[in-house]
């Protein structure tokens, strides 16, 4: 996910009936202002904060290993 995609997920979540930035911040255990700024795409939240907000919104942040590049022959000295 990139920043715009994360922002879209969070905006969609807080726009649902019964949800909102205040509830999202409480569910994620982060300050209201931090959640508000993240939803609006302001600032640079930590990975931990981003993950907490995504989990509270019913998503998760996942780290995926890139494919291993082919081994390069080592130069002889």
Protein backbone atom coordinates (compact mmCIF):
# COMPACT_ATOMS: atom_id res chain seq x y z
CA UNK A 1 0.00 0.00 0.00
CA UNK A 2 1.09 3.51 -0.64
CA UNK A 3 0.14 6.62 1.33
CA UNK A 4 -2.81 7.53 -0.91
CA UNK A 5 -4.20 3.98 -0.65
CA UNK A 6 -3.90 4.00 3.15
CA UNK A 7 -5.59 7.39 3.28
CA UNK A 8 -8.43 6.11 1.06
CA UNK A 9 -8.97 3.05 3.28
CA UNK A 10 -9.09 5.20 6.42
CA UNK A 11 -11.37 7.83 4.84
CA UNK A 12 -13.77 5.13 3.66
CA UNK A 13 -13.82 3.62 7.15
CA UNK A 14 -14.52 6.86 9.01
CA UNK A 15 -17.26 7.68 6.50
CA UNK A 16 -19.29 4.59 7.46
CA UNK A 17 -22.35 5.02 9.69
CA UNK A 18 -21.40 4.72 13.36
CA UNK A 19 -17.73 5.29 12.63
CA UNK A 20 -15.68 8.45 12.65
CA UNK A 21 -12.22 9.76 13.39
CA UNK A 22 -12.86 9.89 17.14
CA UNK A 23 -13.97 6.23 17.26
CA UNK A 24 -11.09 5.20 14.99
CA UNK A 25 -8.59 6.94 17.28
CA UNK A 26 -10.06 5.23 20.35
CA UNK A 27 -10.10 1.79 18.68
CA UNK A 28 -6.51 2.25 17.49
CA UNK A 29 -5.27 3.66 20.80
CA UNK A 30 -3.85 6.80 19.22
CA UNK A 31 -4.51 10.47 19.85
CA UNK A 32 -7.48 11.98 18.03
CA UNK A 33 -5.27 14.60 16.34
CA UNK A 34 -2.90 11.89 15.09
CA UNK A 35 -5.80 9.94 13.59
CA UNK A 36 -7.34 13.08 12.09
CA UNK A 37 -4.09 14.13 10.46
CA UNK A 38 -3.44 10.63 9.11
CA UNK A 39 -6.93 10.36 7.63
CA UNK A 40 -6.46 13.77 5.99
CA UNK A 41 -3.03 12.79 4.62
CA UNK A 42 -1.20 15.34 6.75
CA UNK A 43 2.15 14.54 8.30
CA UNK A 44 4.16 11.36 8.37
CA UNK A 45 2.80 8.83 10.90
CA UNK A 46 5.01 6.04 12.16
CA UNK A 47 4.59 2.52 10.83
CA UNK A 48 3.24 1.54 14.25
CA UNK A 49 0.58 4.27 14.17
CA UNK A 50 -0.36 3.46 10.58
CA UNK A 51 -0.71 -0.22 11.43
CA UNK A 52 -2.82 0.52 14.53
CA UNK A 53 -5.19 2.70 12.49
CA UNK A 54 -5.46 0.12 9.71
CA UNK A 55 -6.17 -2.70 12.18
CA UNK A 56 -8.86 -0.56 13.84
CA UNK A 57 -10.34 -0.05 10.35
CA UNK A 58 -10.38 -3.81 9.68
CA UNK A 59 -7.22 -3.99 7.58
CA UNK A 60 -3.60 -4.83 8.21
CA UNK A 61 -0.21 -3.71 7.07
CA UNK A 62 1.82 -6.55 5.62
CA UNK A 63 5.50 -6.66 4.81
CA UNK A 64 6.33 -8.85 1.83
CA UNK A 65 9.82 -9.91 0.87
CA UNK A 66 10.91 -9.02 -2.63
CA UNK A 67 12.02 -11.81 -4.86
CA UNK A 68 15.65 -12.69 -4.37
CA UNK A 69 17.78 -11.28 -7.17
CA UNK A 70 19.85 -13.83 -9.02
CA UNK A 71 23.29 -14.32 -7.53
CA UNK A 72 25.91 -12.23 -9.25
CA UNK A 73 29.28 -13.89 -9.92
CA UNK A 74 31.92 -12.52 -7.59
CA UNK A 75 34.87 -10.77 -9.19
CA UNK A 76 38.27 -12.40 -8.73
CA UNK A 77 40.89 -10.31 -6.99
